[in-house]
């Protein structure tokens, strides 16, 4: 399984960015996906999880500002980020969780850097 993320960059406070992540090598539609982020000096944290049915679970810090979606026909997940704040600065990772008998395997993209200037 391979994940290729894109869309990061430098944006001013209040701006927007859209991240994309293409997943290959597995049945995308049957598995959960998500976005995580890791800021400098901090642990990786969940931004949003998206079930195979499309339901979402957002971190409180991004609720109302970020919108995640998935396009099963394109094996792609998206993260629309609006009203960005300096504290959103981090490397963003896409995540794909493949269900297996007795558990699951988690796969990660290479990360894409989002920098929000004040």
C-alpha atoms as a PDB file:
ATOM      1  CA  UNK A   1       0.000   0.000   0.000  1.00  0.00           C
ATOM      2  CA  UNK A   2       1.301   3.444  -0.920  1.00  0.00           C
ATOM      3  CA  UNK A   3       0.000   6.857   0.061  1.00  0.00           C
ATOM      4  CA  UNK A   4       1.010  10.037  -1.752  1.00  0.00           C
ATOM      5  CA  UNK A   5       0.062  13.291  -0.073  1.00  0.00           C
ATOM      6  CA  UNK A   6       0.194  16.740  -1.617  1.00  0.00           C
ATOM      7  CA  UNK A   7      -1.118  20.257  -1.197  1.00  0.00           C
ATOM      8  CA  UNK A   8       0.875  21.648   1.691  1.00  0.00           C
ATOM      9  CA  UNK A   9       2.512  25.032   1.624  1.00  0.00           C
ATOM     10  CA  UNK A  10       2.859  28.445   3.220  1.00  0.00           C
ATOM     11  CA  UNK A  11      -0.279  30.451   3.921  1.00  0.00           C
ATOM     12  CA  UNK A  12      -1.149  33.480   6.011  1.00  0.00           C
ATOM     13  CA  UNK A  13      -3.398  33.370   9.052  1.00  0.00           C
ATOM     14  CA  UNK A  14      -7.002  33.075   7.941  1.00  0.00           C
ATOM     15  CA  UNK A  15      -6.087  31.480   4.644  1.00  0.00           C
ATOM     16  CA  UNK A  16      -7.025  28.112   3.178  1.00  0.00           C
ATOM     17  CA  UNK A  17      -5.307  25.040   1.833  1.00  0.00           C
ATOM     18  CA  UNK A  18      -6.536  21.747   0.439  1.00  0.00           C
ATOM     19  CA  UNK A  19      -4.580  18.579   1.015  1.00  0.00           C
ATOM     20  CA  UNK A  20      -4.976  15.455  -1.096  1.00  0.00           C
ATOM     21  CA  UNK A  21      -3.799  11.902  -0.601  1.00  0.00           C
ATOM     22  CA  UNK A  22      -3.936   9.184  -3.226  1.00  0.00           C
ATOM     23  CA  UNK A  23      -3.932   5.604  -1.953  1.00  0.00           C
ATOM     24  CA  UNK A  24      -2.839   2.698  -4.110  1.00  0.00           C
ATOM     25  CA  UNK A  25      -2.332  -0.992  -3.572  1.00  0.00           C
ATOM     26  CA  UNK A  26      -5.436  -1.834  -1.583  1.00  0.00           C
ATOM     27  CA  UNK A  27      -9.221  -1.639  -1.663  1.00  0.00           C
ATOM     28  CA  UNK A  28      -9.688   1.972  -0.710  1.00  0.00           C
ATOM     29  CA  UNK A  29     -13.461   2.012  -0.322  1.00  0.00           C
ATOM     30  CA  UNK A  30     -13.618  -0.721   2.301  1.00  0.00           C
ATOM     31  CA  UNK A  31     -11.222   0.822   4.774  1.00  0.00           C
ATOM     32  CA  UNK A  32     -10.950   3.763   7.120  1.00  0.00           C
ATOM     33  CA  UNK A  33      -8.713   6.704   6.361  1.00  0.00           C
ATOM     34  CA  UNK A  34      -7.687   9.844   8.155  1.00  0.00           C
ATOM     35  CA  UNK A  35      -5.378  12.793   8.597  1.00  0.00           C
ATOM     36  CA  UNK A  36      -2.901  13.324  11.393  1.00  0.00           C
ATOM     37  CA  UNK A  37      -0.452  16.110  12.068  1.00  0.00           C
ATOM     38  CA  UNK A  38       2.775  16.586  13.959  1.00  0.00           C
ATOM     39  CA  UNK A  39       3.970  19.985  15.023  1.00  0.00           C
ATOM     40  CA  UNK A  40       7.639  20.638  15.899  1.00  0.00           C
ATOM     41  CA  UNK A  41       8.455  19.145  19.279  1.00  0.00           C
ATOM     42  CA  UNK A  42       5.039  17.540  19.670  1.00  0.00           C
ATOM     43  CA  UNK A  43       3.544  14.121  19.231  1.00  0.00           C
ATOM     44  CA  UNK A  44       1.548  13.160  16.191  1.00  0.00           C
ATOM     45  CA  UNK A  45      -2.139  13.819  16.741  1.00  0.00           C
ATOM     46  CA  UNK A  46      -5.372  12.934  15.025  1.00  0.00           C
ATOM     47  CA  UNK A  47      -6.958  15.626  12.884  1.00  0.00           C
ATOM     48  CA  UNK A  48      -9.843  13.633  11.474  1.00  0.00           C
ATOM     49  CA  UNK A  49     -10.808  10.022  10.938  1.00  0.00           C
ATOM     50  CA  UNK A  50     -13.115   8.970   8.090  1.00  0.00           C
ATOM     51  CA  UNK A  51     -14.838   5.609   8.174  1.00  0.00           C
ATOM     52  CA  UNK A  52     -15.438   3.474   5.112  1.00  0.00           C
ATOM     53  CA  UNK A  53     -19.048   4.721   5.186  1.00  0.00           C
ATOM     54  CA  UNK A  54     -17.880   8.332   5.160  1.00  0.00           C
ATOM     55  CA  UNK A  55     -18.610   9.325   8.738  1.00  0.00           C
ATOM     56  CA  UNK A  56     -16.077  11.695  10.242  1.00  0.00           C
ATOM     57  CA  UNK A  57     -14.597  12.330  13.657  1.00  0.00           C
ATOM     58  CA  UNK A  58     -12.736  15.634  14.030  1.00  0.00           C
ATOM     59  CA  UNK A  59     -10.364  16.827  16.680  1.00  0.00           C
ATOM     60  CA  UNK A  60     -11.879  19.663  18.687  1.00  0.00           C
ATOM     61  CA  UNK A  61      -9.128  22.039  17.559  1.00  0.00           C
ATOM     62  CA  UNK A  62     -10.228  21.865  13.916  1.00  0.00           C
ATOM     63  CA  UNK A  63     -13.998  21.465  14.171  1.00  0.00           C
ATOM     64  CA  UNK A  64     -15.823  24.014  12.065  1.00  0.00           C
ATOM     65  CA  UNK A  65     -12.678  24.948  10.121  1.00  0.00           C
ATOM     66  CA  UNK A  66     -11.523  21.730   8.468  1.00  0.00           C
ATOM     67  CA  UNK A  67     -13.573  19.440   6.242  1.00  0.00           C
ATOM     68  CA  UNK A  68     -12.465  15.963   5.274  1.00  0.00           C
ATOM     69  CA  UNK A  69     -13.866  13.905   2.436  1.00  0.00           C
ATOM     70  CA  UNK A  70     -13.083  10.854   0.394  1.00  0.00           C
ATOM     71  CA  UNK A  71     -13.606   9.976  -3.250  1.00  0.00           C
ATOM     72  CA  UNK A  72     -13.689   6.214  -3.495  1.00  0.00           C
ATOM     73  CA  UNK A  73     -13.724   6.308  -7.298  1.00  0.00           C
ATOM     74  CA  UNK A  74     -10.375   8.108  -7.246  1.00  0.00           C
ATOM     75  CA  UNK A  75      -8.905   6.348  -4.174  1.00  0.00           C
ATOM     76  CA  UNK A  76      -8.323   9.793  -2.753  1.00  0.00           C
ATOM     77  CA  UNK A  77      -8.952  11.547   0.515  1.00  0.00           C
ATOM     78  CA  UNK A  78      -9.016  15.287   0.971  1.00  0.00           C
ATOM     79  CA  UNK A  79      -8.673  17.802   3.746  1.00  0.00           C
ATOM     80  CA  UNK A  80     -10.026  21.283   3.150  1.00  0.00           C
ATOM     81  CA  UNK A  81      -8.526  23.619   5.733  1.00  0.00           C
ATOM     82  CA  UNK A  82     -10.063  27.048   6.210  1.00  0.00           C
ATOM     83  CA  UNK A  83      -9.445  29.846   8.696  1.00  0.00           C
ATOM     84  CA  UNK A  84      -5.964  28.557   9.295  1.00  0.00           C
ATOM     85  CA  UNK A  85      -4.108  29.581  12.434  1.00  0.00           C
ATOM     86  CA  UNK A  86      -0.388  29.572  13.274  1.00  0.00           C
ATOM     87  CA  UNK A  87      -1.025  26.660  15.629  1.00  0.00           C
ATOM     88  CA  UNK A  88      -2.104  24.587  12.629  1.00  0.00           C
ATOM     89  CA  UNK A  89       1.501  24.624  11.444  1.00  0.00           C
ATOM     90  CA  UNK A  90       2.639  21.007  11.228  1.00  0.00           C
ATOM     91  CA  UNK A  91       3.512  18.154   8.949  1.00  0.00           C
ATOM     92  CA  UNK A  92       0.240  16.549   7.898  1.00  0.00           C
ATOM     93  CA  UNK A  93       0.121  12.813   7.305  1.00  0.00           C
ATOM     94  CA  UNK A  94      -2.581  10.799   5.604  1.00  0.00           C
ATOM     95  CA  UNK A  95      -3.411   7.444   7.099  1.00  0.00           C
ATOM     96  CA  UNK A  96      -4.987   4.285   5.684  1.00  0.00           C
ATOM     97  CA  UNK A  97      -6.149   1.482   7.949  1.00  0.00           C
ATOM     98  CA  UNK A  98      -6.501  -1.876   6.256  1.00  0.00           C
ATOM     99  CA  UNK A  99      -8.617  -4.402   8.079  1.00  0.00           C
ATOM    100  CA  UNK A 100      -7.180  -7.886   8.372  1.00  0.00           C
ATOM    101  CA  UNK A 101      -8.288 -10.989  10.212  1.00  0.00           C
ATOM    102  CA  UNK A 102      -7.908 -10.279  13.909  1.00  0.00           C
ATOM    103  CA  UNK A 103      -6.888  -6.673  13.588  1.00  0.00           C
ATOM    104  CA  UNK A 104      -5.686  -3.998  11.201  1.00  0.00           C
ATOM    105  CA  UNK A 105      -2.573  -2.555   9.588  1.00  0.00           C
ATOM    106  CA  UNK A 106      -1.951   1.172   9.450  1.00  0.00           C
ATOM    107  CA  UNK A 107      -0.171   2.818   6.523  1.00  0.00           C
ATOM    108  CA  UNK A 108       1.181   6.361   6.318  1.00  0.00           C
ATOM    109  CA  UNK A 109       1.910   8.870   3.628  1.00  0.00           C
ATOM    110  CA  UNK A 110       5.187  10.769   3.518  1.00  0.00           C
ATOM    111  CA  UNK A 111       3.751  13.908   5.062  1.00  0.00           C
ATOM    112  CA  UNK A 112       3.181  17.359   3.649  1.00  0.00           C
ATOM    113  CA  UNK A 113       4.240  20.528   5.466  1.00  0.00           C
ATOM    114  CA  UNK A 114       1.700  23.212   6.250  1.00  0.00           C
ATOM    115  CA  UNK A 115       3.055  26.501   7.532  1.00  0.00           C
ATOM    116  CA  UNK A 116       0.720  29.247   8.696  1.00  0.00           C
ATOM    117  CA  UNK A 117       2.351  32.611   9.152  1.00  0.00           C
ATOM    118  CA  UNK A 118       1.051  35.171  11.635  1.00  0.00           C
END
